[in-house]
Amino acid sequence: MWPLLTAQYDCYVSALVREAIERGDPEAADGRRANLTGLIVLAITEDARHLARALIENRLVPSRFAEDALHIALAAVHGMHYVLTWNFKHLNNVQTKGKIADFIEECGYEPPLVCSPDELFRELS
């Protein structure tokens, strides 16, 4: 799947993902790191931090999932078209992602489309 996505899209990864892949089993981390080879890393900016805080303060993302709010904010601030996630609980959730997109737009950013890699892959097929 990833070769098809990287062939058709410019793919980016957040600095948060880079940090997360280092956690856990070192061998597994090596495999995760290999999947990110060649991807551009999105820097964590003050604008992204501010938007992430606003997402939490407006109860669009639970405060205990502050990193997820920052993922969405980074994508919006950096002008990403998509956020790929397998998090169906509060990111790729039909009841919340529309509200998050509306809020991001109100804040002056183009909201990214939140979907799973499988959903995007189906669109490409």
PDB file of N, CA and C in Angstrom:
ATOM      1  N   MET A   1       0.821  -1.195   0.000  1.00  0.00           N
ATOM      2  CA  MET A   1       0.000   0.000   0.000  1.00  0.00           C
ATOM      3  C   MET A   1       0.865   1.260   0.000  1.00  0.00           C
ATOM      4  N   TRP A   2       1.884   1.321   0.882  1.00  0.00           N
ATOM      5  CA  TRP A   2       2.696   2.527   0.976  1.00  0.00           C
ATOM      6  C   TRP A   2       3.382   2.875  -0.346  1.00  0.00           C
ATOM      7  N   PRO A   3       3.930   1.902  -1.088  1.00  0.00           N
ATOM      8  CA  PRO A   3       4.554   2.289  -2.367  1.00  0.00           C
ATOM      9  C   PRO A   3       3.561   2.977  -3.314  1.00  0.00           C
ATOM     10  N   LEU A   4       2.316   2.527  -3.334  1.00  0.00           N
ATOM     11  CA  LEU A   4       1.315   3.161  -4.181  1.00  0.00           C
ATOM     12  C   LEU A   4       1.022   4.582  -3.709  1.00  0.00           C
ATOM     13  N   LEU A   5       0.885   4.755  -2.404  1.00  0.00           N
ATOM     14  CA  LEU A   5       0.613   6.093  -1.866  1.00  0.00           C
ATOM     15  C   LEU A   5       1.774   7.041  -2.134  1.00  0.00           C
ATOM     16  N   THR A   6       2.994   6.573  -1.882  1.00  0.00           N
ATOM     17  CA  THR A   6       4.144   7.458  -2.072  1.00  0.00           C
ATOM     18  C   THR A   6       4.410   7.729  -3.545  1.00  0.00           C
ATOM     19  N   ALA A   7       3.937   6.862  -4.424  1.00  0.00           N
ATOM     20  CA  ALA A   7       4.089   7.104  -5.861  1.00  0.00           C
ATOM     21  C   ALA A   7       3.101   8.159  -6.357  1.00  0.00           C
ATOM     22  N   GLN A   8       1.941   8.264  -5.701  1.00  0.00           N
ATOM     23  CA  GLN A   8       0.905   9.176  -6.166  1.00  0.00           C
ATOM     24  C   GLN A   8       0.812  10.465  -5.348  1.00  0.00           C
ATOM     25  N   TYR A   9       1.404  10.492  -4.182  1.00  0.00           N
ATOM     26  CA  TYR A   9       1.296  11.645  -3.288  1.00  0.00           C
ATOM     27  C   TYR A   9       2.671  12.026  -2.766  1.00  0.00           C
ATOM     28  N   ASP A  10       2.823  13.304  -2.444  1.00  0.00           N
ATOM     29  CA  ASP A  10       3.964  13.729  -1.641  1.00  0.00           C
ATOM     30  C   ASP A  10       3.569  13.397  -0.210  1.00  0.00           C
ATOM     31  N   CYS A  11       4.315  12.546   0.431  1.00  0.00           N
ATOM     32  CA  CYS A  11       3.960  12.075   1.766  1.00  0.00           C
ATOM     33  C   CYS A  11       4.838  12.741   2.820  1.00  0.00           C
ATOM     34  N   TYR A  12       4.202  13.076   3.921  1.00  0.00           N
ATOM     35  CA  TYR A  12       4.859  13.754   5.035  1.00  0.00           C
ATOM     36  C   TYR A  12       4.565  12.984   6.306  1.00  0.00           C
ATOM     37  N   VAL A  13       5.328  13.256   7.323  1.00  0.00           N
ATOM     38  CA  VAL A  13       5.117  12.655   8.633  1.00  0.00           C
ATOM     39  C   VAL A  13       5.386  13.746   9.663  1.00  0.00           C
ATOM     40  N   SER A  14       4.661  13.717  10.756  1.00  0.00           N
ATOM     41  CA  SER A  14       4.901  14.726  11.781  1.00  0.00           C
ATOM     42  C   SER A  14       6.065  14.318  12.663  1.00  0.00           C
ATOM     43  N   ALA A  15       6.663  15.304  13.284  1.00  0.00           N
ATOM     44  CA  ALA A  15       7.737  15.038  14.234  1.00  0.00           C
ATOM     45  C   ALA A  15       7.233  14.143  15.370  1.00  0.00           C
ATOM     46  N   LEU A  16       5.953  14.229  15.683  1.00  0.00           N
ATOM     47  CA  LEU A  16       5.365  13.366  16.715  1.00  0.00           C
ATOM     48  C   LEU A  16       5.461  11.896  16.331  1.00  0.00           C
ATOM     49  N   VAL A  17       5.209  11.593  15.084  1.00  0.00           N
ATOM     50  CA  VAL A  17       5.293  10.209  14.620  1.00  0.00           C
ATOM     51  C   VAL A  17       6.730   9.734  14.720  1.00  0.00           C
ATOM     52  N   ARG A  18       7.648  10.591  14.317  1.00  0.00           N
ATOM     53  CA  ARG A  18       9.067  10.217  14.410  1.00  0.00           C
ATOM     54  C   ARG A  18       9.436   9.852  15.847  1.00  0.00           C
ATOM     55  N   GLU A  19       8.911  10.608  16.813  1.00  0.00           N
ATOM     56  CA  GLU A  19       9.190  10.312  18.220  1.00  0.00           C
ATOM     57  C   GLU A  19       8.519   9.008  18.649  1.00  0.00           C
ATOM     58  N   ALA A  20       7.272   8.810  18.216  1.00  0.00           N
ATOM     59  CA  ALA A  20       6.500   7.634  18.650  1.00  0.00           C
ATOM     60  C   ALA A  20       7.091   6.323  18.136  1.00  0.00           C
ATOM     61  N   ILE A  21       7.650   6.334  16.940  1.00  0.00           N
ATOM     62  CA  ILE A  21       8.164   5.077  16.393  1.00  0.00           C
ATOM     63  C   ILE A  21       9.378   4.568  17.151  1.00  0.00           C
ATOM     64  N   GLU A  22      10.012   5.429  17.909  1.00  0.00           N
ATOM     65  CA  GLU A  22      11.191   5.026  18.677  1.00  0.00           C
ATOM     66  C   GLU A  22      10.818   4.289  19.955  1.00  0.00           C
ATOM     67  N   ARG A  23       9.557   4.382  20.361  1.00  0.00           N
ATOM     68  CA  ARG A  23       9.125   3.736  21.605  1.00  0.00           C
ATOM     69  C   ARG A  23       8.966   2.231  21.405  1.00  0.00           C
ATOM     70  N   GLY A  24       9.164   1.497  22.475  1.00  0.00           N
ATOM     71  CA  GLY A  24       8.915   0.061  22.427  1.00  0.00           C
ATOM     72  C   GLY A  24      10.122  -0.740  21.986  1.00  0.00           C
ATOM     73  N   ASP A  25       9.843  -1.922  21.481  1.00  0.00           N
ATOM     74  CA  ASP A  25      10.859  -2.876  21.058  1.00  0.00           C
ATOM     75  C   ASP A  25      11.784  -2.267  19.998  1.00  0.00           C
ATOM     76  N   PRO A  26      13.090  -2.308  20.217  1.00  0.00           N
ATOM     77  CA  PRO A  26      14.039  -1.712  19.268  1.00  0.00           C
ATOM     78  C   PRO A  26      13.961  -2.300  17.853  1.00  0.00           C
ATOM     79  N   GLU A  27      13.741  -3.614  17.742  1.00  0.00           N
ATOM     80  CA  GLU A  27      13.629  -4.214  16.406  1.00  0.00           C
ATOM     81  C   GLU A  27      12.377  -3.727  15.683  1.00  0.00           C
ATOM     82  N   ALA A  28      11.292  -3.655  16.416  1.00  0.00           N
ATOM     83  CA  ALA A  28      10.047  -3.150  15.820  1.00  0.00           C
ATOM     84  C   ALA A  28      10.225  -1.683  15.409  1.00  0.00           C
ATOM     85  N   ALA A  29      10.940  -0.922  16.241  1.00  0.00           N
ATOM     86  CA  ALA A  29      11.202   0.486  15.921  1.00  0.00           C
ATOM     87  C   ALA A  29      12.013   0.600  14.630  1.00  0.00           C
ATOM     88  N   ASP A  30      12.964  -0.309  14.439  1.00  0.00           N
ATOM     89  CA  ASP A  30      13.741  -0.306  13.191  1.00  0.00           C
ATOM     90  C   ASP A  30      12.826  -0.481  11.985  1.00  0.00           C
ATOM     91  N   GLY A  31      11.878  -1.396  12.082  1.00  0.00           N
ATOM     92  CA  GLY A  31      10.928  -1.615  10.988  1.00  0.00           C
ATOM     93  C   GLY A  31      10.051  -0.411  10.742  1.00  0.00           C
ATOM     94  N   ARG A  32       9.566   0.197  11.824  1.00  0.00           N
ATOM     95  CA  ARG A  32       8.728   1.395  11.669  1.00  0.00           C
ATOM     96  C   ARG A  32       9.534   2.537  11.059  1.00  0.00           C
ATOM     97  N   ARG A  33      10.770   2.681  11.515  1.00  0.00           N
ATOM     98  CA  ARG A  33      11.643   3.745  10.995  1.00  0.00           C
ATOM     99  C   ARG A  33      11.879   3.556   9.499  1.00  0.00           C
ATOM    100  N   ALA A  34      12.052   2.325   9.068  1.00  0.00           N
ATOM    101  CA  ALA A  34      12.291   2.039   7.646  1.00  0.00           C
ATOM    102  C   ALA A  34      11.111   2.484   6.782  1.00  0.00           C
ATOM    103  N   ASN A  35       9.903   2.399   7.317  1.00  0.00           N
ATOM    104  CA  ASN A  35       8.716   2.829   6.561  1.00  0.00           C
ATOM    105  C   ASN A  35       8.661   4.333   6.358  1.00  0.00           C
ATOM    106  N   LEU A  36       9.425   5.070   7.139  1.00  0.00           N
ATOM    107  CA  LEU A  36       9.391   6.527   7.041  1.00  0.00           C
ATOM    108  C   LEU A  36      10.537   7.098   6.207  1.00  0.00           C
ATOM    109  N   THR A  37      11.381   6.231   5.701  1.00  0.00           N
ATOM    110  CA  THR A  37      12.526   6.680   4.921  1.00  0.00           C
ATOM    111  C   THR A  37      12.062   7.532   3.746  1.00  0.00           C
ATOM    112  N   GLY A  38      12.654   8.695   3.622  1.00  0.00           N
ATOM    113  CA  GLY A  38      12.352   9.572   2.501  1.00  0.00           C
ATOM    114  C   GLY A  38      11.168  10.497   2.716  1.00  0.00           C
ATOM    115  N   LEU A  39      10.447  10.347   3.830  1.00  0.00           N
ATOM    116  CA  LEU A  39       9.309  11.225   4.082  1.00  0.00           C
ATOM    117  C   LEU A  39       9.778  12.533   4.705  1.00  0.00           C
ATOM    118  N   ILE A  40       9.156  13.609   4.320  1.00  0.00           N
ATOM    119  CA  ILE A  40       9.474  14.924   4.864  1.00  0.00           C
ATOM    120  C   ILE A  40       8.819  15.048   6.232  1.00  0.00           C
ATOM    121  N   VAL A  41       9.557  15.558   7.207  1.00  0.00           N
ATOM    122  CA  VAL A  41       9.057  15.699   8.570  1.00  0.00           C
ATOM    123  C   VAL A  41       8.493  17.101   8.755  1.00  0.00           C
ATOM    124  N   LEU A  42       7.240  17.161   9.223  1.00  0.00           N
ATOM    125  CA  LEU A  42       6.593  18.442   9.515  1.00  0.00           C
ATOM    126  C   LEU A  42       7.027  18.926  10.892  1.00  0.00           C
ATOM    127  N   ALA A  43       7.555  20.129  10.939  1.00  0.00           N
ATOM    128  CA  ALA A  43       8.009  20.708  12.199  1.00  0.00           C
ATOM    129  C   ALA A  43       6.822  21.102  13.072  1.00  0.00           C
ATOM    130  N   ILE A  44       7.028  20.991  14.368  1.00  0.00           N
ATOM    131  CA  ILE A  44       6.009  21.429  15.320  1.00  0.00           C
ATOM    132  C   ILE A  44       6.185  22.931  15.511  1.00  0.00           C
ATOM    133  N   THR A  45       5.192  23.695  15.103  1.00  0.00           N
ATOM    134  CA  THR A  45       5.256  25.155  15.168  1.00  0.00           C
ATOM    135  C   THR A  45       4.364  25.684  16.293  1.00  0.00           C
ATOM    136  N   GLU A  46       4.574  26.952  16.648  1.00  0.00           N
ATOM    137  CA  GLU A  46       3.719  27.587  17.654  1.00  0.00           C
ATOM    138  C   GLU A  46       2.276  27.691  17.153  1.00  0.00           C
ATOM    139  N   ASP A  47       2.084  27.952  15.862  1.00  0.00           N
ATOM    140  CA  ASP A  47       0.728  28.005  15.317  1.00  0.00           C
ATOM    141  C   ASP A  47       0.027  26.655  15.491  1.00  0.00           C
ATOM    142  N   ALA A  48       0.752  25.574  15.252  1.00  0.00           N
ATOM    143  CA  ALA A  48       0.174  24.239  15.420  1.00  0.00           C
ATOM    144  C   ALA A  48      -0.141  23.974  16.886  1.00  0.00           C
ATOM    145  N   ARG A  49       0.754  24.364  17.776  1.00  0.00           N
ATOM    146  CA  ARG A  49       0.495  24.182  19.210  1.00  0.00           C
ATOM    147  C   ARG A  49      -0.746  24.957  19.642  1.00  0.00           C
ATOM    148  N   HIS A  50      -0.873  26.172  19.144  1.00  0.00           N
ATOM    149  CA  HIS A  50      -2.024  27.016  19.483  1.00  0.00           C
ATOM    150  C   HIS A  50      -3.319  26.376  18.977  1.00  0.00           C
ATOM    151  N   LEU A  51      -3.329  25.910  17.741  1.00  0.00           N
ATOM    152  CA  LEU A  51      -4.522  25.272  17.183  1.00  0.00           C
ATOM    153  C   LEU A  51      -4.850  23.988  17.940  1.00  0.00           C
ATOM    154  N   ALA A  52      -3.854  23.214  18.300  1.00  0.00           N
ATOM    155  CA  ALA A  52      -4.091  21.987  19.067  1.00  0.00           C
ATOM    156  C   ALA A  52      -4.727  22.308  20.417  1.00  0.00           C
ATOM    157  N   ARG A  53      -4.216  23.341  21.090  1.00  0.00           N
ATOM    158  CA  ARG A  53      -4.819  23.746  22.371  1.00  0.00           C
ATOM    159  C   ARG A  53      -6.274  24.156  22.178  1.00  0.00           C
ATOM    160  N   ALA A  54      -6.547  24.872  21.087  1.00  0.00           N
ATOM    161  CA  ALA A  54      -7.920  25.308  20.822  1.00  0.00           C
ATOM    162  C   ALA A  54      -8.838  24.114  20.554  1.00  0.00           C
ATOM    163  N   LEU A  55      -8.333  23.100  19.867  1.00  0.00           N
ATOM    164  CA  LEU A  55      -9.131  21.893  19.624  1.00  0.00           C
ATOM    165  C   LEU A  55      -9.506  21.222  20.943  1.00  0.00           C
ATOM    166  N   ILE A  56      -8.578  21.222  21.876  1.00  0.00           N
ATOM    167  CA  ILE A  56      -8.839  20.618  23.185  1.00  0.00           C
ATOM    168  C   ILE A  56      -9.761  21.507  24.008  1.00  0.00           C
ATOM    169  N   GLU A  57      -9.475  22.802  24.051  1.00  0.00           N
ATOM    170  CA  GLU A  57     -10.293  23.724  24.843  1.00  0.00           C
ATOM    171  C   GLU A  57     -11.743  23.748  24.372  1.00  0.00           C
ATOM    172  N   ASN A  58     -11.961  23.515  23.094  1.00  0.00           N
ATOM    173  CA  ASN A  58     -13.316  23.490  22.539  1.00  0.00           C
ATOM    174  C   ASN A  58     -13.921  22.088  22.549  1.00  0.00           C
ATOM    175  N   ARG A  59     -13.247  21.181  23.253  1.00  0.00           N
ATOM    176  CA  ARG A  59     -13.725  19.809  23.482  1.00  0.00           C
ATOM    177  C   ARG A  59     -13.953  19.027  22.186  1.00  0.00           C
ATOM    178  N   LEU A  60     -13.137  19.320  21.183  1.00  0.00           N
ATOM    179  CA  LEU A  60     -13.215  18.585  19.927  1.00  0.00           C
ATOM    180  C   LEU A  60     -12.293  17.370  19.937  1.00  0.00           C
ATOM    181  N   VAL A  61     -11.252  17.448  20.736  1.00  0.00           N
ATOM    182  CA  VAL A  61     -10.351  16.322  20.971  1.00  0.00           C
ATOM    183  C   VAL A  61     -10.174  16.247  22.490  1.00  0.00           C
ATOM    184  N   PRO A  62     -10.343  15.061  23.088  1.00  0.00           N
ATOM    185  CA  PRO A  62     -10.173  14.945  24.544  1.00  0.00           C
ATOM    186  C   PRO A  62      -8.771  15.355  24.985  1.00  0.00           C
ATOM    187  N   SER A  63      -8.684  16.019  26.122  1.00  0.00           N
ATOM    188  CA  SER A  63      -7.393  16.522  26.602  1.00  0.00           C
ATOM    189  C   SER A  63      -6.376  15.408  26.818  1.00  0.00           C
ATOM    190  N   ARG A  64      -6.832  14.213  27.136  1.00  0.00           N
ATOM    191  CA  ARG A  64      -5.881  13.113  27.344  1.00  0.00           C
ATOM    192  C   ARG A  64      -5.253  12.641  26.033  1.00  0.00           C
ATOM    193  N   PHE A  65      -5.767  13.148  24.903  1.00  0.00           N
ATOM    194  CA  PHE A  65      -5.219  12.810  23.590  1.00  0.00           C
ATOM    195  C   PHE A  65      -4.627  14.056  22.920  1.00  0.00           C
ATOM    196  N   ALA A  66      -3.863  14.806  23.697  1.00  0.00           N
ATOM    197  CA  ALA A  66      -3.284  16.057  23.204  1.00  0.00           C
ATOM    198  C   ALA A  66      -2.402  15.832  21.974  1.00  0.00           C
ATOM    199  N   GLU A  67      -1.693  14.701  21.907  1.00  0.00           N
ATOM    200  CA  GLU A  67      -0.858  14.428  20.731  1.00  0.00           C
ATOM    201  C   GLU A  67      -1.706  14.308  19.470  1.00  0.00           C
ATOM    202  N   ASP A  68      -2.894  13.732  19.595  1.00  0.00           N
ATOM    203  CA  ASP A  68      -3.770  13.602  18.430  1.00  0.00           C
ATOM    204  C   ASP A  68      -4.246  14.977  17.960  1.00  0.00           C
ATOM    205  N   ALA A  69      -4.546  15.855  18.906  1.00  0.00           N
ATOM    206  CA  ALA A  69      -4.916  17.225  18.539  1.00  0.00           C
ATOM    207  C   ALA A  69      -3.759  17.895  17.803  1.00  0.00           C
ATOM    208  N   LEU A  70      -2.549  17.646  18.258  1.00  0.00           N
ATOM    209  CA  LEU A  70      -1.378  18.239  17.605  1.00  0.00           C
ATOM    210  C   LEU A  70      -1.160  17.644  16.210  1.00  0.00           C
ATOM    211  N   HIS A  71      -1.441  16.361  16.028  1.00  0.00           N
ATOM    212  CA  HIS A  71      -1.341  15.765  14.690  1.00  0.00           C
ATOM    213  C   HIS A  71      -2.259  16.503  13.706  1.00  0.00           C
ATOM    214  N   ILE A  72      -3.500  16.681  14.094  1.00  0.00           N
ATOM    215  CA  ILE A  72      -4.475  17.359  13.235  1.00  0.00           C
ATOM    216  C   ILE A  72      -4.043  18.801  12.990  1.00  0.00           C
ATOM    217  N   ALA A  73      -3.619  19.469  14.047  1.00  0.00           N
ATOM    218  CA  ALA A  73      -3.194  20.866  13.923  1.00  0.00           C
ATOM    219  C   ALA A  73      -1.982  21.007  13.008  1.00  0.00           C
ATOM    220  N   LEU A  74      -1.026  20.113  13.142  1.00  0.00           N
ATOM    221  CA  LEU A  74       0.153  20.160  12.273  1.00  0.00           C
ATOM    222  C   LEU A  74      -0.248  20.029  10.808  1.00  0.00           C
ATOM    223  N   ALA A  75      -1.139  19.102  10.536  1.00  0.00           N
ATOM    224  CA  ALA A  75      -1.582  18.911   9.156  1.00  0.00           C
ATOM    225  C   ALA A  75      -2.274  20.158   8.627  1.00  0.00           C
ATOM    226  N   ALA A  76      -3.125  20.761   9.434  1.00  0.00           N
ATOM    227  CA  ALA A  76      -3.841  21.966   8.999  1.00  0.00           C
ATOM    228  C   ALA A  76      -2.881  23.135   8.778  1.00  0.00           C
ATOM    229  N   VAL A  77      -2.015  23.368   9.735  1.00  0.00           N
ATOM    230  CA  VAL A  77      -1.088  24.503   9.657  1.00  0.00           C
ATOM    231  C   VAL A  77      -0.122  24.354   8.482  1.00  0.00           C
ATOM    232  N   HIS A  78       0.289  23.136   8.202  1.00  0.00           N
ATOM    233  CA  HIS A  78       1.227  22.892   7.103  1.00  0.00           C
ATOM    234  C   HIS A  78       0.534  22.680   5.759  1.00  0.00           C
ATOM    235  N   GLY A  79      -0.792  22.782   5.723  1.00  0.00           N
ATOM    236  CA  GLY A  79      -1.515  22.683   4.455  1.00  0.00           C
ATOM    237  C   GLY A  79      -1.611  21.285   3.875  1.00  0.00           C
ATOM    238  N   MET A  80      -1.621  20.285   4.730  1.00  0.00           N
ATOM    239  CA  MET A  80      -1.750  18.910   4.253  1.00  0.00           C
ATOM    240  C   MET A  80      -3.187  18.639   3.805  1.00  0.00           C
ATOM    241  N   HIS A  81      -3.343  17.827   2.790  1.00  0.00           N
ATOM    242  CA  HIS A  81      -4.678  17.493   2.289  1.00  0.00           C
ATOM    243  C   HIS A  81      -5.313  16.355   3.071  1.00  0.00           C
ATOM    244  N   TYR A  82      -4.499  15.444   3.585  1.00  0.00           N
ATOM    245  CA  TYR A  82      -4.994  14.262   4.280  1.00  0.00           C
ATOM    246  C   TYR A  82      -4.232  14.040   5.574  1.00  0.00           C
ATOM    247  N   VAL A  83      -4.902  13.432   6.537  1.00  0.00           N
ATOM    248  CA  VAL A  83      -4.262  12.857   7.720  1.00  0.00           C
ATOM    249  C   VAL A  83      -4.672  11.398   7.714  1.00  0.00           C
ATOM    250  N   LEU A  84      -3.689  10.530   7.617  1.00  0.00           N
ATOM    251  CA  LEU A  84      -3.971   9.101   7.638  1.00  0.00           C
ATOM    252  C   LEU A  84      -3.834   8.594   9.064  1.00  0.00           C
ATOM    253  N   THR A  85      -4.850   7.878   9.512  1.00  0.00           N
ATOM    254  CA  THR A  85      -4.852   7.358  10.879  1.00  0.00           C
ATOM    255  C   THR A  85      -5.706   6.113  10.964  1.00  0.00           C
ATOM    256  N   TRP A  86      -5.352   5.265  11.898  1.00  0.00           N
ATOM    257  CA  TRP A  86      -6.198   4.116  12.219  1.00  0.00           C
ATOM    258  C   TRP A  86      -6.963   4.390  13.511  1.00  0.00           C
ATOM    259  N   ASN A  87      -6.933   5.623  13.981  1.00  0.00           N
ATOM    260  CA  ASN A  87      -7.613   5.991  15.216  1.00  0.00           C
ATOM    261  C   ASN A  87      -9.071   6.323  14.891  1.00  0.00           C
ATOM    262  N   PHE A  88      -9.943   5.351  15.083  1.00  0.00           N
ATOM    263  CA  PHE A  88     -11.362   5.538  14.790  1.00  0.00           C
ATOM    264  C   PHE A  88     -12.146   6.026  16.003  1.00  0.00           C
ATOM    265  N   LYS A  89     -11.479   6.119  17.137  1.00  0.00           N
ATOM    266  CA  LYS A  89     -12.184   6.516  18.353  1.00  0.00           C
ATOM    267  C   LYS A  89     -12.512   8.012  18.367  1.00  0.00           C
ATOM    268  N   HIS A  90     -11.529   8.861  18.088  1.00  0.00           N
ATOM    269  CA  HIS A  90     -11.816  10.297  18.154  1.00  0.00           C
ATOM    270  C   HIS A  90     -11.200  11.111  17.022  1.00  0.00           C
ATOM    271  N   LEU A  91     -10.488  10.485  16.095  1.00  0.00           N
ATOM    272  CA  LEU A  91      -9.975  11.242  14.953  1.00  0.00           C
ATOM    273  C   LEU A  91     -10.752  10.911  13.684  1.00  0.00           C
ATOM    274  N   ASN A  92     -10.724   9.662  13.284  1.00  0.00           N
ATOM    275  CA  ASN A  92     -11.426   9.241  12.072  1.00  0.00           C
ATOM    276  C   ASN A  92     -12.800   8.703  12.484  1.00  0.00           C
ATOM    277  N   ASN A  93     -13.574   9.578  13.072  1.00  0.00           N
ATOM    278  CA  ASN A  93     -14.868   9.231  13.640  1.00  0.00           C
ATOM    279  C   ASN A  93     -15.908  10.134  12.990  1.00  0.00           C
ATOM    280  N   VAL A  94     -16.905   9.544  12.383  1.00  0.00           N
ATOM    281  CA  VAL A  94     -17.899  10.304  11.625  1.00  0.00           C
ATOM    282  C   VAL A  94     -18.576  11.381  12.477  1.00  0.00           C
ATOM    283  N   GLN A  95     -18.690  11.164  13.782  1.00  0.00           N
ATOM    284  CA  GLN A  95     -19.366  12.132  14.642  1.00  0.00           C
ATOM    285  C   GLN A  95     -18.469  13.281  15.068  1.00  0.00           C
ATOM    286  N   THR A  96     -17.156  13.131  14.941  1.00  0.00           N
ATOM    287  CA  THR A  96     -16.270  14.203  15.393  1.00  0.00           C
ATOM    288  C   THR A  96     -15.479  14.868  14.274  1.00  0.00           C
ATOM    289  N   LYS A  97     -15.146  14.135  13.219  1.00  0.00           N
ATOM    290  CA  LYS A  97     -14.231  14.735  12.237  1.00  0.00           C
ATOM    291  C   LYS A  97     -14.867  15.898  11.481  1.00  0.00           C
ATOM    292  N   GLY A  98     -16.171  15.894  11.293  1.00  0.00           N
ATOM    293  CA  GLY A  98     -16.822  17.039  10.658  1.00  0.00           C
ATOM    294  C   GLY A  98     -16.759  18.278  11.534  1.00  0.00           C
ATOM    295  N   LYS A  99     -16.948  18.088  12.836  1.00  0.00           N
ATOM    296  CA  LYS A  99     -16.872  19.205  13.783  1.00  0.00           C
ATOM    297  C   LYS A  99     -15.449  19.759  13.837  1.00  0.00           C
ATOM    298  N   ILE A 100     -14.479  18.856  13.832  1.00  0.00           N
ATOM    299  CA  ILE A 100     -13.073  19.280  13.848  1.00  0.00           C
ATOM    300  C   ILE A 100     -12.760  20.067  12.580  1.00  0.00           C
ATOM    301  N   ALA A 101     -13.216  19.571  11.431  1.00  0.00           N
ATOM    302  CA  ALA A 101     -12.966  20.260  10.155  1.00  0.00           C
ATOM    303  C   ALA A 101     -13.607  21.643  10.157  1.00  0.00           C
ATOM    304  N   ASP A 102     -14.832  21.743  10.635  1.00  0.00           N
ATOM    305  CA  ASP A 102     -15.504  23.048  10.689  1.00  0.00           C
ATOM    306  C   ASP A 102     -14.736  24.024  11.561  1.00  0.00           C
ATOM    307  N   PHE A 103     -14.257  23.555  12.708  1.00  0.00           N
ATOM    308  CA  PHE A 103     -13.518  24.416  13.624  1.00  0.00           C
ATOM    309  C   PHE A 103     -12.206  24.883  13.005  1.00  0.00           C
ATOM    310  N   ILE A 104     -11.498  23.965  12.379  1.00  0.00           N
ATOM    311  CA  ILE A 104     -10.230  24.323  11.740  1.00  0.00           C
ATOM    312  C   ILE A 104     -10.460  25.390  10.672  1.00  0.00           C
ATOM    313  N   GLU A 105     -11.530  25.235   9.921  1.00  0.00           N
ATOM    314  CA  GLU A 105     -11.865  26.231   8.898  1.00  0.00           C
ATOM    315  C   GLU A 105     -12.166  27.584   9.539  1.00  0.00           C
ATOM    316  N   GLU A 106     -12.906  27.581  10.649  1.00  0.00           N
ATOM    317  CA  GLU A 106     -13.196  28.822  11.372  1.00  0.00           C
ATOM    318  C   GLU A 106     -11.920  29.500  11.855  1.00  0.00           C
ATOM    319  N   CYS A 107     -10.896  28.723  12.117  1.00  0.00           N
ATOM    320  CA  CYS A 107      -9.611  29.252  12.569  1.00  0.00           C
ATOM    321  C   CYS A 107      -8.748  29.751  11.413  1.00  0.00           C
ATOM    322  N   GLY A 108      -9.261  29.634  10.197  1.00  0.00           N
ATOM    323  CA  GLY A 108      -8.548  30.175   9.049  1.00  0.00           C
ATOM    324  C   GLY A 108      -7.682  29.204   8.280  1.00  0.00           C
ATOM    325  N   TYR A 109      -7.818  27.927   8.558  1.00  0.00           N
ATOM    326  CA  TYR A 109      -7.025  26.915   7.864  1.00  0.00           C
ATOM    327  C   TYR A 109      -7.932  26.031   7.020  1.00  0.00           C
ATOM    328  N   GLU A 110      -7.356  25.453   5.989  1.00  0.00           N
ATOM    329  CA  GLU A 110      -8.057  24.447   5.195  1.00  0.00           C
ATOM    330  C   GLU A 110      -7.956  23.128   5.956  1.00  0.00           C
ATOM    331  N   PRO A 111      -9.083  22.545   6.337  1.00  0.00           N
ATOM    332  CA  PRO A 111      -8.986  21.314   7.119  1.00  0.00           C
ATOM    333  C   PRO A 111      -8.550  20.128   6.271  1.00  0.00           C
ATOM    334  N   PRO A 112      -7.674  19.309   6.805  1.00  0.00           N
ATOM    335  CA  PRO A 112      -7.292  18.092   6.089  1.00  0.00           C
ATOM    336  C   PRO A 112      -8.411  17.056   6.192  1.00  0.00           C
ATOM    337  N   LEU A 113      -8.489  16.196   5.216  1.00  0.00           N
ATOM    338  CA  LEU A 113      -9.425  15.086   5.261  1.00  0.00           C
ATOM    339  C   LEU A 113      -8.802  13.992   6.115  1.00  0.00           C
ATOM    340  N   VAL A 114      -9.499  13.582   7.155  1.00  0.00           N
ATOM    341  CA  VAL A 114      -9.016  12.534   8.044  1.00  0.00           C
ATOM    342  C   VAL A 114      -9.595  11.214   7.565  1.00  0.00           C
ATOM    343  N   CYS A 115      -8.708  10.264   7.277  1.00  0.00           N
ATOM    344  CA  CYS A 115      -9.155   8.951   6.812  1.00  0.00           C
ATOM    345  C   CYS A 115      -8.094   7.910   7.136  1.00  0.00           C
ATOM    346  N   SER A 116      -8.479   6.654   7.022  1.00  0.00           N
ATOM    347  CA  SER A 116      -7.506   5.583   7.233  1.00  0.00           C
ATOM    348  C   SER A 116      -6.719   5.367   5.941  1.00  0.00           C
ATOM    349  N   PRO A 117      -5.545   4.777   6.031  1.00  0.00           N
ATOM    350  CA  PRO A 117      -4.817   4.448   4.802  1.00  0.00           C
ATOM    351  C   PRO A 117      -5.656   3.556   3.879  1.00  0.00           C
ATOM    352  N   ASP A 118      -6.419   2.642   4.470  1.00  0.00           N
ATOM    353  CA  ASP A 118      -7.260   1.759   3.654  1.00  0.00           C
ATOM    354  C   ASP A 118      -8.325   2.544   2.893  1.00  0.00           C
ATOM    355  N   GLU A 119      -8.927   3.539   3.539  1.00  0.00           N
ATOM    356  CA  GLU A 119      -9.933   4.364   2.859  1.00  0.00           C
ATOM    357  C   GLU A 119      -9.313   5.117   1.688  1.00  0.00           C
ATOM    358  N   LEU A 120      -8.147   5.690   1.894  1.00  0.00           N
ATOM    359  CA  LEU A 120      -7.486   6.409   0.807  1.00  0.00           C
ATOM    360  C   LEU A 120      -7.069   5.447  -0.295  1.00  0.00           C
ATOM    361  N   PHE A 121      -6.584   4.292   0.087  1.00  0.00           N
ATOM    362  CA  PHE A 121      -6.156   3.297  -0.882  1.00  0.00           C
ATOM    363  C   PHE A 121      -7.325   2.866  -1.776  1.00  0.00           C
ATOM    364  N   ARG A 122      -8.504   2.684  -1.185  1.00  0.00           N
ATOM    365  CA  ARG A 122      -9.700   2.315  -1.979  1.00  0.00           C
ATOM    366  C   ARG A 122     -10.008   3.376  -3.007  1.00  0.00           C
ATOM    367  N   GLU A 123      -9.798   4.640  -2.664  1.00  0.00           N
ATOM    368  CA  GLU A 123     -10.031   5.741  -3.603  1.00  0.00           C
ATOM    369  C   GLU A 123      -9.058   5.687  -4.788  1.00  0.00           C
ATOM    370  N   LEU A 124      -7.856   5.170  -4.540  1.00  0.00           N
ATOM    371  CA  LEU A 124      -6.841   5.103  -5.586  1.00  0.00           C
ATOM    372  C   LEU A 124      -7.065   3.931  -6.530  1.00  0.00           C
ATOM    373  N   SER A 125      -7.742   2.901  -6.034  1.00  0.00           N
ATOM    374  CA  SER A 125      -7.929   1.668  -6.843  1.00  0.00           C
ATOM    375  C   SER A 125      -8.975   1.836  -7.920  1.00  0.00           C
TER     376      SER A 125
END
